Amino acid sequence: MAGGVIGNLMFAVGFKVAEGPLRRAEDQLNSLRGGVFAFGAAAAAAMGAFAVASIKAASDFEKSMSQVQMATGQTDQQMQATKGIAKNLYSQNFGENWQDLGQQISTTAQITGQTGAALENTTKNAMLLGKAFGFEVGESVKTTDTMMRQFGITSDQAMTLLAQGAQKGLDKSGELLDTANEYSNQFKSLGFSATEMFDTLAAGSQNGAFNLDKVGKKRCRL
C-alpha cells in the first residue's frame, strides 16, 4: 500500500484499495508544494478520488459481511466479532479482496462452527497453508476439523502436522489432505495419536510407497 498522507488515512479507516489510485493521488499531493492555489486544487481532486475509493471499499466490506452472515447464520452480536476478524486478516494482506476473504471466513465457520478468536486463527492458518502448499481452504479446514474431533487436538496442532507433512513430501501424490481426513478415525481406533499417524504415513512414503492412500489402508488393516 502507498505510504504518506493518503496511505496513513487508508490504514486508519481499515480499508485497502488498489495501489495505482493511491499512488497517483499521493504523487499529486507531493507535487503541490510549489504553490498554495495549486495545492488546494490538486489536493481536492486527490482527496476526492480517495473518498470514492474509500466509499467503495466500505460498501464492498459491508456486502461481504452480509454474505457471511447469511452463509453462517451468525447473530448480529457474533457478526460484530466476525467483522473485526475480517479487518484484522485483511490488514495483514489475507484475501484478494473483501469478497474472497468473506468466503474463506464463511467456509471455515460452516465446517468448524467456530466463532471469535478460534475462527480467526483457523481461517488465517488455512489461508497460510493455501499460500504455502496450494491447499484449498475448505479442504484443509475439513481435514483439520476431522483431526481435531478424532484426536482431541487444536487447529494449530492439526495444521502444523499438515504443514510438516507437506514439507516432508507427503503431498507428492496430492492426497495428503484426503488421506488424513479419511483415515484419522481408523488410526484413532487403533490407538494412534495424530503425530503417530503422520509418522506412519511418512515412514511408508520413505519406504517407497508413492500413494498415501495405500499406506493408510495397509497400516489400518494390520
C-alpha atoms as a PDB file:
ATOM      1  CA  MET A   1       0.000   0.000   0.000  1.00  0.00           C
ATOM      2  CA  ALA A   2       1.169   3.507  -0.737  1.00  0.00           C
ATOM      3  CA  GLY A   3       2.723   5.396   2.144  1.00  0.00           C
ATOM      4  CA  GLY A   4       2.429   9.053   3.135  1.00  0.00           C
ATOM      5  CA  VAL A   5      -0.721  11.016   3.927  1.00  0.00           C
ATOM      6  CA  ILE A   6      -3.214   9.012   1.888  1.00  0.00           C
ATOM      7  CA  GLY A   7      -1.711   5.681   2.832  1.00  0.00           C
ATOM      8  CA  ASN A   8      -1.908   6.600   6.513  1.00  0.00           C
ATOM      9  CA  LEU A   9      -5.508   7.711   6.194  1.00  0.00           C
ATOM     10  CA  MET A  10      -6.481   4.498   4.444  1.00  0.00           C
ATOM     11  CA  PHE A  11      -4.795   2.454   7.150  1.00  0.00           C
ATOM     12  CA  ALA A  12      -6.614   4.446   9.831  1.00  0.00           C
ATOM     13  CA  VAL A  13     -10.065   3.558   8.472  1.00  0.00           C
ATOM     14  CA  GLY A  14      -9.068  -0.056   7.987  1.00  0.00           C
ATOM     15  CA  PHE A  15      -9.607  -0.408   4.250  1.00  0.00           C
ATOM     16  CA  LYS A  16      -7.363  -1.207   1.318  1.00  0.00           C
ATOM     17  CA  VAL A  17      -7.727  -0.053  -2.294  1.00  0.00           C
ATOM     18  CA  ALA A  18      -5.668  -0.626  -5.400  1.00  0.00           C
ATOM     19  CA  GLU A  19      -2.094   0.601  -5.284  1.00  0.00           C
ATOM     20  CA  GLY A  20      -2.472   2.546  -8.544  1.00  0.00           C
ATOM     21  CA  PRO A  21      -5.123   5.070  -7.451  1.00  0.00           C
ATOM     22  CA  LEU A  22      -3.390   5.628  -4.122  1.00  0.00           C
ATOM     23  CA  ARG A  23      -0.010   6.129  -5.743  1.00  0.00           C
ATOM     24  CA  ARG A  24      -1.408   8.574  -8.280  1.00  0.00           C
ATOM     25  CA  ALA A  25      -3.208  10.526  -5.583  1.00  0.00           C
ATOM     26  CA  GLU A  26      -0.131  10.530  -3.363  1.00  0.00           C
ATOM     27  CA  ASP A  27       2.033  11.783  -6.229  1.00  0.00           C
ATOM     28  CA  GLN A  28      -0.424  14.594  -6.806  1.00  0.00           C
ATOM     29  CA  LEU A  29      -0.159  15.710  -3.205  1.00  0.00           C
ATOM     30  CA  ASN A  30       3.627  15.514  -3.171  1.00  0.00           C
ATOM     31  CA  SER A  31       3.919  17.684  -6.279  1.00  0.00           C
ATOM     32  CA  LEU A  32       1.897  20.561  -4.859  1.00  0.00           C
ATOM     33  CA  ARG A  33       4.380  22.175  -2.514  1.00  0.00           C
ATOM     34  CA  GLY A  34       5.224  24.901  -5.042  1.00  0.00           C
ATOM     35  CA  GLY A  35       2.027  26.917  -4.588  1.00  0.00           C
ATOM     36  CA  VAL A  36      -0.924  27.263  -2.273  1.00  0.00           C
ATOM     37  CA  PHE A  37      -3.503  27.537  -5.047  1.00  0.00           C
ATOM     38  CA  ALA A  38      -2.171  24.526  -6.916  1.00  0.00           C
ATOM     39  CA  PHE A  39      -2.034  22.583  -3.672  1.00  0.00           C
ATOM     40  CA  GLY A  40      -5.661  23.315  -2.902  1.00  0.00           C
ATOM     41  CA  ALA A  41      -6.951  22.353  -6.348  1.00  0.00           C
ATOM     42  CA  ALA A  42      -4.976  19.168  -6.806  1.00  0.00           C
ATOM     43  CA  ALA A  43      -5.360  18.105  -3.183  1.00  0.00           C
ATOM     44  CA  ALA A  44      -9.112  18.413  -3.550  1.00  0.00           C
ATOM     45  CA  ALA A  45      -9.015  16.209  -6.639  1.00  0.00           C
ATOM     46  CA  ALA A  46      -6.767  13.692  -4.935  1.00  0.00           C
ATOM     47  CA  MET A  47      -8.887  13.530  -1.813  1.00  0.00           C
ATOM     48  CA  GLY A  48     -11.988  13.244  -3.968  1.00  0.00           C
ATOM     49  CA  ALA A  49     -10.552  10.138  -5.597  1.00  0.00           C
ATOM     50  CA  PHE A  50      -9.590   8.858  -2.168  1.00  0.00           C
ATOM     51  CA  ALA A  51     -13.119   9.399  -0.873  1.00  0.00           C
ATOM     52  CA  VAL A  52     -14.635   7.474  -3.792  1.00  0.00           C
ATOM     53  CA  ALA A  53     -12.238   4.588  -3.237  1.00  0.00           C
ATOM     54  CA  SER A  54     -12.986   4.575   0.491  1.00  0.00           C
ATOM     55  CA  ILE A  55     -16.733   4.533  -0.069  1.00  0.00           C
ATOM     56  CA  LYS A  56     -16.429   1.617  -2.495  1.00  0.00           C
ATOM     57  CA  ALA A  57     -14.203  -0.292  -0.071  1.00  0.00           C
ATOM     58  CA  ALA A  58     -16.687   0.269   2.740  1.00  0.00           C
ATOM     59  CA  SER A  59     -19.561  -0.868   0.535  1.00  0.00           C
ATOM     60  CA  ASP A  60     -17.673  -3.995  -0.539  1.00  0.00           C
ATOM     61  CA  PHE A  61     -16.888  -4.773   3.098  1.00  0.00           C
ATOM     62  CA  GLU A  62     -20.499  -4.493   4.248  1.00  0.00           C
ATOM     63  CA  LYS A  63     -21.724  -6.562   1.301  1.00  0.00           C
ATOM     64  CA  SER A  64     -19.177  -9.261   2.065  1.00  0.00           C
ATOM     65  CA  MET A  65     -20.114  -9.346   5.749  1.00  0.00           C
ATOM     66  CA  SER A  66     -23.812  -9.622   4.872  1.00  0.00           C
ATOM     67  CA  GLN A  67     -22.975 -12.657   2.760  1.00  0.00           C
ATOM     68  CA  VAL A  68     -21.002 -14.152   5.653  1.00  0.00           C
ATOM     69  CA  GLN A  69     -23.964 -13.710   7.984  1.00  0.00           C
ATOM     70  CA  MET A  70     -26.356 -15.324   5.513  1.00  0.00           C
ATOM     71  CA  ALA A  71     -23.976 -18.226   4.912  1.00  0.00           C
ATOM     72  CA  THR A  72     -23.234 -18.921   8.570  1.00  0.00           C
ATOM     73  CA  GLY A  73     -26.386 -17.833  10.386  1.00  0.00           C
ATOM     74  CA  GLN A  74     -24.365 -15.828  12.891  1.00  0.00           C
ATOM     75  CA  THR A  75     -26.213 -13.447  15.185  1.00  0.00           C
ATOM     76  CA  ASP A  76     -25.684  -9.704  14.948  1.00  0.00           C
ATOM     77  CA  GLN A  77     -23.544  -9.904  18.078  1.00  0.00           C
ATOM     78  CA  GLN A  78     -21.383 -12.678  16.623  1.00  0.00           C
ATOM     79  CA  MET A  79     -21.043 -10.703  13.400  1.00  0.00           C
ATOM     80  CA  GLN A  80     -19.512  -7.787  15.269  1.00  0.00           C
ATOM     81  CA  ALA A  81     -16.644 -10.074  16.223  1.00  0.00           C
ATOM     82  CA  THR A  82     -16.512 -11.527  12.710  1.00  0.00           C
ATOM     83  CA  LYS A  83     -16.207  -8.063  11.197  1.00  0.00           C
ATOM     84  CA  GLY A  84     -13.243  -7.463  13.484  1.00  0.00           C
ATOM     85  CA  ILE A  85     -11.749 -10.761  12.322  1.00  0.00           C
ATOM     86  CA  ALA A  86     -12.124  -9.744   8.695  1.00  0.00           C
ATOM     87  CA  LYS A  87     -10.479  -6.359   9.261  1.00  0.00           C
ATOM     88  CA  ASN A  88      -7.607  -7.946  11.196  1.00  0.00           C
ATOM     89  CA  LEU A  89      -6.918 -10.500   8.473  1.00  0.00           C
ATOM     90  CA  TYR A  90      -7.308  -8.002   5.643  1.00  0.00           C
ATOM     91  CA  SER A  91      -4.874  -5.599   7.287  1.00  0.00           C
ATOM     92  CA  GLN A  92      -2.350  -8.474   7.209  1.00  0.00           C
ATOM     93  CA  ASN A  93      -2.913  -8.912   3.449  1.00  0.00           C
ATOM     94  CA  PHE A  94      -5.050 -12.036   3.677  1.00  0.00           C
ATOM     95  CA  GLY A  95      -7.630 -12.283   0.917  1.00  0.00           C
ATOM     96  CA  GLU A  96      -7.575 -10.914  -2.615  1.00  0.00           C
ATOM     97  CA  ASN A  97     -10.494  -8.657  -1.735  1.00  0.00           C
ATOM     98  CA  TRP A  98     -13.320  -8.441   0.792  1.00  0.00           C
ATOM     99  CA  GLN A  99     -15.439 -10.969  -1.096  1.00  0.00           C
ATOM    100  CA  ASP A 100     -12.644 -13.537  -1.219  1.00  0.00           C
ATOM    101  CA  LEU A 101     -11.848 -13.103   2.462  1.00  0.00           C
ATOM    102  CA  GLY A 102     -15.514 -13.308   3.394  1.00  0.00           C
ATOM    103  CA  GLN A 103     -15.830 -16.601   1.531  1.00  0.00           C
ATOM    104  CA  GLN A 104     -12.875 -18.097   3.394  1.00  0.00           C
ATOM    105  CA  ILE A 105     -14.271 -16.995   6.757  1.00  0.00           C
ATOM    106  CA  SER A 106     -17.690 -18.416   5.852  1.00  0.00           C
ATOM    107  CA  THR A 107     -16.221 -21.733   4.749  1.00  0.00           C
ATOM    108  CA  THR A 108     -14.225 -22.092   7.950  1.00  0.00           C
ATOM    109  CA  ALA A 109     -17.198 -21.190  10.136  1.00  0.00           C
ATOM    110  CA  GLN A 110     -19.515 -23.597   8.315  1.00  0.00           C
ATOM    111  CA  ILE A 111     -17.140 -26.540   8.699  1.00  0.00           C
ATOM    112  CA  THR A 112     -15.925 -25.951  12.246  1.00  0.00           C
ATOM    113  CA  GLY A 113     -18.749 -23.999  13.856  1.00  0.00           C
ATOM    114  CA  GLN A 114     -16.111 -21.690  15.305  1.00  0.00           C
ATOM    115  CA  THR A 115     -16.577 -18.020  16.136  1.00  0.00           C
ATOM    116  CA  GLY A 116     -14.371 -15.284  17.554  1.00  0.00           C
ATOM    117  CA  ALA A 117     -10.650 -15.804  18.044  1.00  0.00           C
ATOM    118  CA  ALA A 118     -10.819 -19.504  17.167  1.00  0.00           C
ATOM    119  CA  LEU A 119     -12.426 -18.699  13.812  1.00  0.00           C
ATOM    120  CA  GLU A 120      -9.822 -16.040  13.061  1.00  0.00           C
ATOM    121  CA  ASN A 121      -6.940 -18.351  13.912  1.00  0.00           C
ATOM    122  CA  THR A 122      -8.208 -21.301  11.879  1.00  0.00           C
ATOM    123  CA  THR A 123      -9.058 -19.131   8.871  1.00  0.00           C
ATOM    124  CA  LYS A 124      -5.650 -17.463   8.988  1.00  0.00           C
ATOM    125  CA  ASN A 125      -3.773 -20.761   9.240  1.00  0.00           C
ATOM    126  CA  ALA A 126      -5.817 -22.315   6.437  1.00  0.00           C
ATOM    127  CA  MET A 127      -5.011 -19.395   4.162  1.00  0.00           C
ATOM    128  CA  LEU A 128      -1.332 -19.677   5.085  1.00  0.00           C
ATOM    129  CA  LEU A 129      -1.406 -23.360   4.124  1.00  0.00           C
ATOM    130  CA  GLY A 130      -3.040 -22.339   0.872  1.00  0.00           C
ATOM    131  CA  LYS A 131      -0.309 -19.831   0.093  1.00  0.00           C
ATOM    132  CA  ALA A 132       2.487 -22.222   1.042  1.00  0.00           C
ATOM    133  CA  PHE A 133       1.237 -25.507  -0.405  1.00  0.00           C
ATOM    134  CA  GLY A 134      -1.702 -24.711  -2.655  1.00  0.00           C
ATOM    135  CA  PHE A 135      -4.276 -26.362  -0.390  1.00  0.00           C
ATOM    136  CA  GLU A 136      -7.873 -25.242  -0.861  1.00  0.00           C
ATOM    137  CA  VAL A 137      -9.086 -23.570   2.322  1.00  0.00           C
ATOM    138  CA  GLY A 138     -12.208 -25.709   2.500  1.00  0.00           C
ATOM    139  CA  GLU A 139     -10.249 -28.948   2.121  1.00  0.00           C
ATOM    140  CA  SER A 140      -7.587 -28.090   4.682  1.00  0.00           C
ATOM    141  CA  VAL A 141     -10.198 -26.902   7.182  1.00  0.00           C
ATOM    142  CA  LYS A 142     -12.256 -30.066   6.669  1.00  0.00           C
ATOM    143  CA  THR A 143      -9.224 -32.254   7.367  1.00  0.00           C
ATOM    144  CA  THR A 144      -8.235 -30.088  10.315  1.00  0.00           C
ATOM    145  CA  ASP A 145     -11.715 -30.352  11.784  1.00  0.00           C
ATOM    146  CA  THR A 146     -11.660 -34.150  11.422  1.00  0.00           C
ATOM    147  CA  MET A 147      -8.289 -34.380  13.156  1.00  0.00           C
ATOM    148  CA  MET A 148      -9.428 -32.081  15.949  1.00  0.00           C
ATOM    149  CA  ARG A 149     -12.502 -34.198  16.615  1.00  0.00           C
ATOM    150  CA  GLN A 150     -10.783 -37.576  16.309  1.00  0.00           C
ATOM    151  CA  PHE A 151      -7.569 -36.868  18.179  1.00  0.00           C
ATOM    152  CA  GLY A 152      -8.678 -34.108  20.543  1.00  0.00           C
ATOM    153  CA  ILE A 153      -6.080 -31.649  19.273  1.00  0.00           C
ATOM    154  CA  THR A 154      -6.261 -27.951  18.423  1.00  0.00           C
ATOM    155  CA  SER A 155      -6.472 -26.461  14.954  1.00  0.00           C
ATOM    156  CA  ASP A 156      -2.926 -25.146  15.406  1.00  0.00           C
ATOM    157  CA  GLN A 157      -1.653 -28.645  16.143  1.00  0.00           C
ATOM    158  CA  ALA A 158      -3.562 -30.203  13.256  1.00  0.00           C
ATOM    159  CA  MET A 159      -2.403 -27.628  10.724  1.00  0.00           C
ATOM    160  CA  THR A 160       1.169 -27.831  11.979  1.00  0.00           C
ATOM    161  CA  LEU A 161       1.119 -31.568  11.282  1.00  0.00           C
ATOM    162  CA  LEU A 162      -0.304 -30.937   7.815  1.00  0.00           C
ATOM    163  CA  ALA A 163       2.375 -28.337   7.086  1.00  0.00           C
ATOM    164  CA  GLN A 164       5.149 -30.610   8.337  1.00  0.00           C
ATOM    165  CA  GLY A 165       3.746 -33.472   6.287  1.00  0.00           C
ATOM    166  CA  ALA A 166       3.727 -31.341   3.151  1.00  0.00           C
ATOM    167  CA  GLN A 167       7.297 -30.206   3.850  1.00  0.00           C
ATOM    168  CA  LYS A 168       8.339 -33.868   4.061  1.00  0.00           C
ATOM    169  CA  GLY A 169       6.818 -34.559   0.657  1.00  0.00           C
ATOM    170  CA  LEU A 170       3.712 -36.387   1.854  1.00  0.00           C
ATOM    171  CA  ASP A 171       1.562 -34.471  -0.616  1.00  0.00           C
ATOM    172  CA  LYS A 172       3.583 -35.512  -3.661  1.00  0.00           C
ATOM    173  CA  SER A 173       0.627 -37.531  -4.942  1.00  0.00           C
ATOM    174  CA  GLY A 174      -1.821 -34.772  -3.986  1.00  0.00           C
ATOM    175  CA  GLU A 175      -3.539 -36.986  -1.403  1.00  0.00           C
ATOM    176  CA  LEU A 176      -2.294 -35.718   1.956  1.00  0.00           C
ATOM    177  CA  LEU A 177      -5.498 -33.934   2.950  1.00  0.00           C
ATOM    178  CA  ASP A 178      -7.790 -36.706   1.723  1.00  0.00           C
ATOM    179  CA  THR A 179      -5.723 -39.416   3.420  1.00  0.00           C
ATOM    180  CA  ALA A 180      -5.555 -37.623   6.760  1.00  0.00           C
ATOM    181  CA  ASN A 181      -9.268 -36.884   6.593  1.00  0.00           C
ATOM    182  CA  GLU A 182     -10.263 -40.424   5.625  1.00  0.00           C
ATOM    183  CA  TYR A 183      -8.021 -42.413   7.947  1.00  0.00           C
ATOM    184  CA  SER A 184      -7.952 -40.300  11.116  1.00  0.00           C
ATOM    185  CA  ASN A 185     -10.861 -42.272  12.535  1.00  0.00           C
ATOM    186  CA  GLN A 186      -9.219 -45.613  11.779  1.00  0.00           C
ATOM    187  CA  PHE A 187      -5.831 -44.633  13.150  1.00  0.00           C
ATOM    188  CA  LYS A 188      -7.545 -43.301  16.267  1.00  0.00           C
ATOM    189  CA  SER A 189      -9.408 -46.602  16.739  1.00  0.00           C
ATOM    190  CA  LEU A 190      -6.054 -48.405  16.609  1.00  0.00           C
ATOM    191  CA  GLY A 191      -4.756 -46.228  19.429  1.00  0.00           C
ATOM    192  CA  PHE A 192      -2.586 -43.912  17.349  1.00  0.00           C
ATOM    193  CA  SER A 193      -2.147 -40.226  18.094  1.00  0.00           C
ATOM    194  CA  ALA A 194      -2.243 -37.653  15.300  1.00  0.00           C
ATOM    195  CA  THR A 195       1.551 -37.399  15.390  1.00  0.00           C
ATOM    196  CA  GLU A 196       1.901 -41.179  15.194  1.00  0.00           C
ATOM    197  CA  MET A 197      -0.430 -41.276  12.205  1.00  0.00           C
ATOM    198  CA  PHE A 198       1.764 -38.815  10.327  1.00  0.00           C
ATOM    199  CA  ASP A 199       4.905 -40.683  11.386  1.00  0.00           C
ATOM    200  CA  THR A 200       3.397 -43.844   9.902  1.00  0.00           C
ATOM    201  CA  LEU A 201       2.500 -42.096   6.663  1.00  0.00           C
ATOM    202  CA  ALA A 202       5.991 -40.595   6.461  1.00  0.00           C
ATOM    203  CA  ALA A 203       7.628 -43.974   7.074  1.00  0.00           C
ATOM    204  CA  GLY A 204       5.565 -45.558   4.323  1.00  0.00           C
ATOM    205  CA  SER A 205       6.467 -42.766   1.934  1.00  0.00           C
ATOM    206  CA  GLN A 206      10.178 -43.076   2.753  1.00  0.00           C
ATOM    207  CA  ASN A 207       9.998 -46.818   2.095  1.00  0.00           C
ATOM    208  CA  GLY A 208       8.924 -46.189  -1.466  1.00  0.00           C
ATOM    209  CA  ALA A 209       5.151 -46.016  -1.198  1.00  0.00           C
ATOM    210  CA  PHE A 210       4.033 -43.299  -3.613  1.00  0.00           C
ATOM    211  CA  ASN A 211       0.350 -43.390  -2.800  1.00  0.00           C
ATOM    212  CA  LEU A 212      -0.519 -42.246   0.729  1.00  0.00           C
ATOM    213  CA  ASP A 213      -3.965 -43.762   0.474  1.00  0.00           C
ATOM    214  CA  LYS A 214      -2.401 -47.194   0.044  1.00  0.00           C
ATOM    215  CA  VAL A 215      -0.141 -46.586   3.040  1.00  0.00           C
ATOM    216  CA  GLY A 216      -3.150 -45.677   5.146  1.00  0.00           C
ATOM    217  CA  LYS A 217      -5.149 -48.696   4.033  1.00  0.00           C
ATOM    218  CA  LYS A 218      -2.273 -51.103   4.596  1.00  0.00           C
ATOM    219  CA  ARG A 219      -1.487 -49.809   8.074  1.00  0.00           C
ATOM    220  CA  CYS A 220      -5.111 -49.812   9.198  1.00  0.00           C
ATOM    221  CA  ARG A 221      -5.545 -53.418   8.066  1.00  0.00           C
ATOM    222  CA  LEU A 222      -2.622 -54.701  10.137  1.00  0.00           C
END
